[in-house]
Amino acid sequence: MNNLFKKITSFFIHALFLIYIGGFIFYIINFIFGDNAISTSNINNISKILFTTVTLILLIITQYHVIKIYHSSKHSPFSLENANRIFTISYSFLAITILRVLVESLNPNNTQGAITLFDIGFFRIVFTFETTVFTMATLVLLIISDIYKKSVLIKQEYDLTI
């Protein structure tokens, strides 16, 4: 049972690693060759640049932690370090989600398919499909990281009693 659980955990860590590598490469290509060139003609372009650079930094941090989890999971996937790294990944996704909501809210032309929570003059909060997906991914990552951390603590306590 323990060996099967290790194999399942190893599979999910490898899948997460491959997904992040693919997403990171796609994001770098989009950042370099995308349509969001540096232009300060209006607040929409400034917010896109701000979102893109901060998100790129957060994704680099996330990628670093995923690589560390990948390398350390070869020896022992259940460690408190890995649990803290997954927690850091989920909080960087939370920061990306908040930034994405702010960028979508600053776009005055963003009305098609968007849900406006409230609109008070210049200040409004808008949720699009993209931000909803980011929010759901963040919630899932937070739940997984919490369960993983608690299971690591329970496993460490169990190992101490044996």
Protein backbone atom coordinates (compact mmCIF):
# COMPACT_ATOMS: atom_id res chain seq x y z
CA MET A 1 0.00 0.00 0.00
CA ASN A 2 2.79 2.40 0.92
CA ASN A 3 4.65 1.57 -2.32
CA LEU A 4 1.51 2.20 -4.38
CA PHE A 5 0.98 5.54 -2.63
CA LYS A 6 4.58 6.53 -3.39
CA LYS A 7 4.10 5.64 -7.06
CA ILE A 8 0.88 7.65 -7.29
CA THR A 9 2.51 10.63 -5.58
CA SER A 10 5.55 10.35 -7.85
CA PHE A 11 3.27 10.25 -10.91
CA PHE A 12 1.44 13.41 -9.84
CA ILE A 13 4.70 15.22 -9.06
CA HIS A 14 6.10 14.27 -12.48
CA ALA A 15 2.86 15.36 -14.18
CA LEU A 16 2.93 18.67 -12.30
CA PHE A 17 6.55 19.14 -13.34
CA LEU A 18 5.79 18.52 -17.03
CA ILE A 19 2.73 20.79 -16.96
CA TYR A 20 4.75 23.59 -15.39
CA ILE A 21 7.61 23.17 -17.86
CA GLY A 22 5.18 23.35 -20.78
CA GLY A 23 3.28 26.29 -19.33
CA PHE A 24 6.48 28.12 -18.48
CA ILE A 25 7.87 27.69 -22.01
CA PHE A 26 4.55 28.81 -23.51
CA TYR A 27 4.49 31.86 -21.23
CA ILE A 28 8.08 32.83 -22.12
CA ILE A 29 7.27 32.55 -25.84
CA ASN A 30 4.12 34.63 -25.34
CA PHE A 31 6.08 37.19 -23.30
CA ILE A 32 8.84 37.58 -25.90
CA PHE A 33 6.82 37.39 -29.11
CA GLY A 34 3.37 38.39 -27.85
CA ASP A 35 1.35 41.49 -28.64
CA ASN A 36 2.05 43.18 -25.29
CA ALA A 37 5.07 45.25 -26.33
CA ILE A 38 6.23 48.01 -24.00
CA SER A 39 3.96 50.97 -24.60
CA THR A 40 2.76 53.48 -22.06
CA SER A 41 0.03 55.07 -24.14
CA ASN A 42 -2.77 54.19 -21.72
CA ILE A 43 -3.36 52.49 -18.40
CA ASN A 44 -4.38 49.25 -20.07
CA ASN A 45 -0.94 48.76 -21.61
CA ILE A 46 0.78 49.74 -18.35
CA SER A 47 -1.31 47.23 -16.43
CA LYS A 48 -0.53 44.52 -19.01
CA ILE A 49 3.20 45.21 -18.70
CA LEU A 50 2.99 45.23 -14.91
CA PHE A 51 0.97 42.02 -14.89
CA THR A 52 3.27 40.31 -17.36
CA THR A 53 6.55 41.13 -15.61
CA VAL A 54 5.29 40.39 -12.09
CA THR A 55 3.62 37.20 -13.30
CA LEU A 56 6.83 36.17 -15.06
CA ILE A 57 8.76 36.63 -11.79
CA LEU A 58 6.12 34.64 -9.87
CA LEU A 59 6.19 31.87 -12.48
CA ILE A 60 10.00 31.70 -12.26
CA ILE A 61 9.70 31.33 -8.47
CA THR A 62 7.02 28.67 -8.97
CA GLN A 63 9.16 26.85 -11.53
CA TYR A 64 12.12 26.84 -9.14
CA HIS A 65 10.02 25.23 -6.42
CA VAL A 66 8.56 22.66 -8.83
CA ILE A 67 12.07 21.66 -9.96
CA LYS A 68 13.16 21.36 -6.31
CA ILE A 69 10.11 19.18 -5.55
CA TYR A 70 10.86 17.06 -8.62
CA HIS A 71 14.49 16.45 -7.60
CA SER A 72 13.78 15.82 -3.93
CA SER A 73 10.83 13.51 -4.65
CA LYS A 74 13.19 10.95 -6.15
CA HIS A 75 14.53 10.24 -2.66
CA SER A 76 11.64 11.04 -0.32
CA PRO A 77 8.44 12.63 -1.63
CA PHE A 78 7.03 13.09 1.87
CA SER A 79 9.06 15.84 3.45
CA LEU A 80 8.14 19.05 5.18
CA GLU A 81 10.28 20.93 2.65
CA ASN A 82 8.13 19.66 -0.23
CA ALA A 83 4.97 20.56 1.67
CA ASN A 84 6.25 24.10 2.20
CA ARG A 85 7.23 24.35 -1.46
CA ILE A 86 3.74 23.30 -2.57
CA PHE A 87 2.35 25.90 -0.17
CA THR A 88 4.61 28.56 -1.76
CA ILE A 89 3.45 27.51 -5.24
CA SER A 90 -0.20 27.86 -4.23
CA TYR A 91 0.40 31.32 -2.75
CA SER A 92 2.22 32.47 -5.88
CA PHE A 93 -0.82 31.31 -7.86
CA LEU A 94 -2.97 33.33 -5.46
CA ALA A 95 -0.86 36.42 -6.19
CA ILE A 96 -1.14 35.79 -9.95
CA THR A 97 -4.92 35.46 -9.58
CA ILE A 98 -5.21 38.76 -7.71
CA LEU A 99 -3.03 40.49 -10.31
CA ARG A 100 -5.11 39.03 -13.13
CA VAL A 101 -8.36 40.24 -11.56
CA LEU A 102 -6.89 43.74 -11.19
CA VAL A 103 -5.70 43.80 -14.81
CA GLU A 104 -9.07 42.61 -16.08
CA SER A 105 -10.78 45.23 -13.92
CA LEU A 106 -8.62 48.05 -15.33
CA ASN A 107 -9.58 47.23 -18.90
CA PRO A 108 -12.54 49.52 -19.77
CA ASN A 109 -13.47 47.46 -22.85
CA ASN A 110 -13.81 44.26 -20.86
CA THR A 111 -17.58 43.72 -20.88
CA GLN A 112 -18.18 40.70 -23.11
CA GLY A 113 -18.39 37.53 -21.03
CA ALA A 114 -17.31 39.35 -17.88
CA ILE A 115 -19.08 39.40 -14.54
CA THR A 116 -18.83 42.80 -12.86
CA LEU A 117 -19.07 42.46 -9.09
CA PHE A 118 -19.38 46.17 -8.46
CA ASP A 119 -18.64 49.34 -10.40
CA ILE A 120 -17.94 52.59 -8.55
CA GLY A 121 -16.62 55.05 -11.10
CA PHE A 122 -13.04 54.10 -11.94
CA PHE A 123 -12.86 51.32 -9.36
CA ARG A 124 -14.50 48.06 -10.36
CA ILE A 125 -13.84 44.36 -10.02
CA VAL A 126 -14.44 42.14 -13.04
CA PHE A 127 -14.23 38.36 -13.29
CA THR A 128 -13.71 36.78 -16.69
CA PHE A 129 -13.44 33.11 -17.59
CA GLU A 130 -9.65 33.35 -17.31
CA THR A 131 -9.73 34.74 -13.78
CA THR A 132 -12.30 32.14 -12.77
CA VAL A 133 -9.99 29.35 -13.98
CA PHE A 134 -7.07 30.95 -12.09
CA THR A 135 -9.23 31.18 -8.96
CA MET A 136 -10.31 27.53 -9.15
CA ALA A 137 -6.71 26.38 -9.77
CA THR A 138 -5.57 28.43 -6.78
CA LEU A 139 -8.24 26.94 -4.53
CA VAL A 140 -7.36 23.41 -5.63
CA LEU A 141 -3.64 24.06 -5.03
CA LEU A 142 -4.34 25.52 -1.58
CA ILE A 143 -6.44 22.48 -0.64
CA ILE A 144 -3.81 20.07 -1.99
CA SER A 145 -1.00 21.87 -0.18
CA ASP A 146 -2.92 21.86 3.09
CA ILE A 147 -3.74 18.15 2.82
CA TYR A 148 -0.17 17.34 1.80
CA LYS A 149 1.30 19.28 4.72
CA LYS A 150 -1.06 17.63 7.21
CA SER A 151 -0.31 14.17 5.81
CA VAL A 152 3.43 14.82 6.09
CA LEU A 153 3.02 15.88 9.71
CA ILE A 154 0.90 12.80 10.44
CA LYS A 155 3.49 10.57 8.73
CA GLN A 156 6.31 12.14 10.77
CA GLU A 157 4.33 11.64 13.97
CA TYR A 158 3.64 8.02 12.98
CA ASP A 159 7.33 7.43 12.23
CA LEU A 160 8.25 8.78 15.66
CA THR A 161 5.87 6.39 17.42
CA ILE A 162 7.31 3.33 15.67
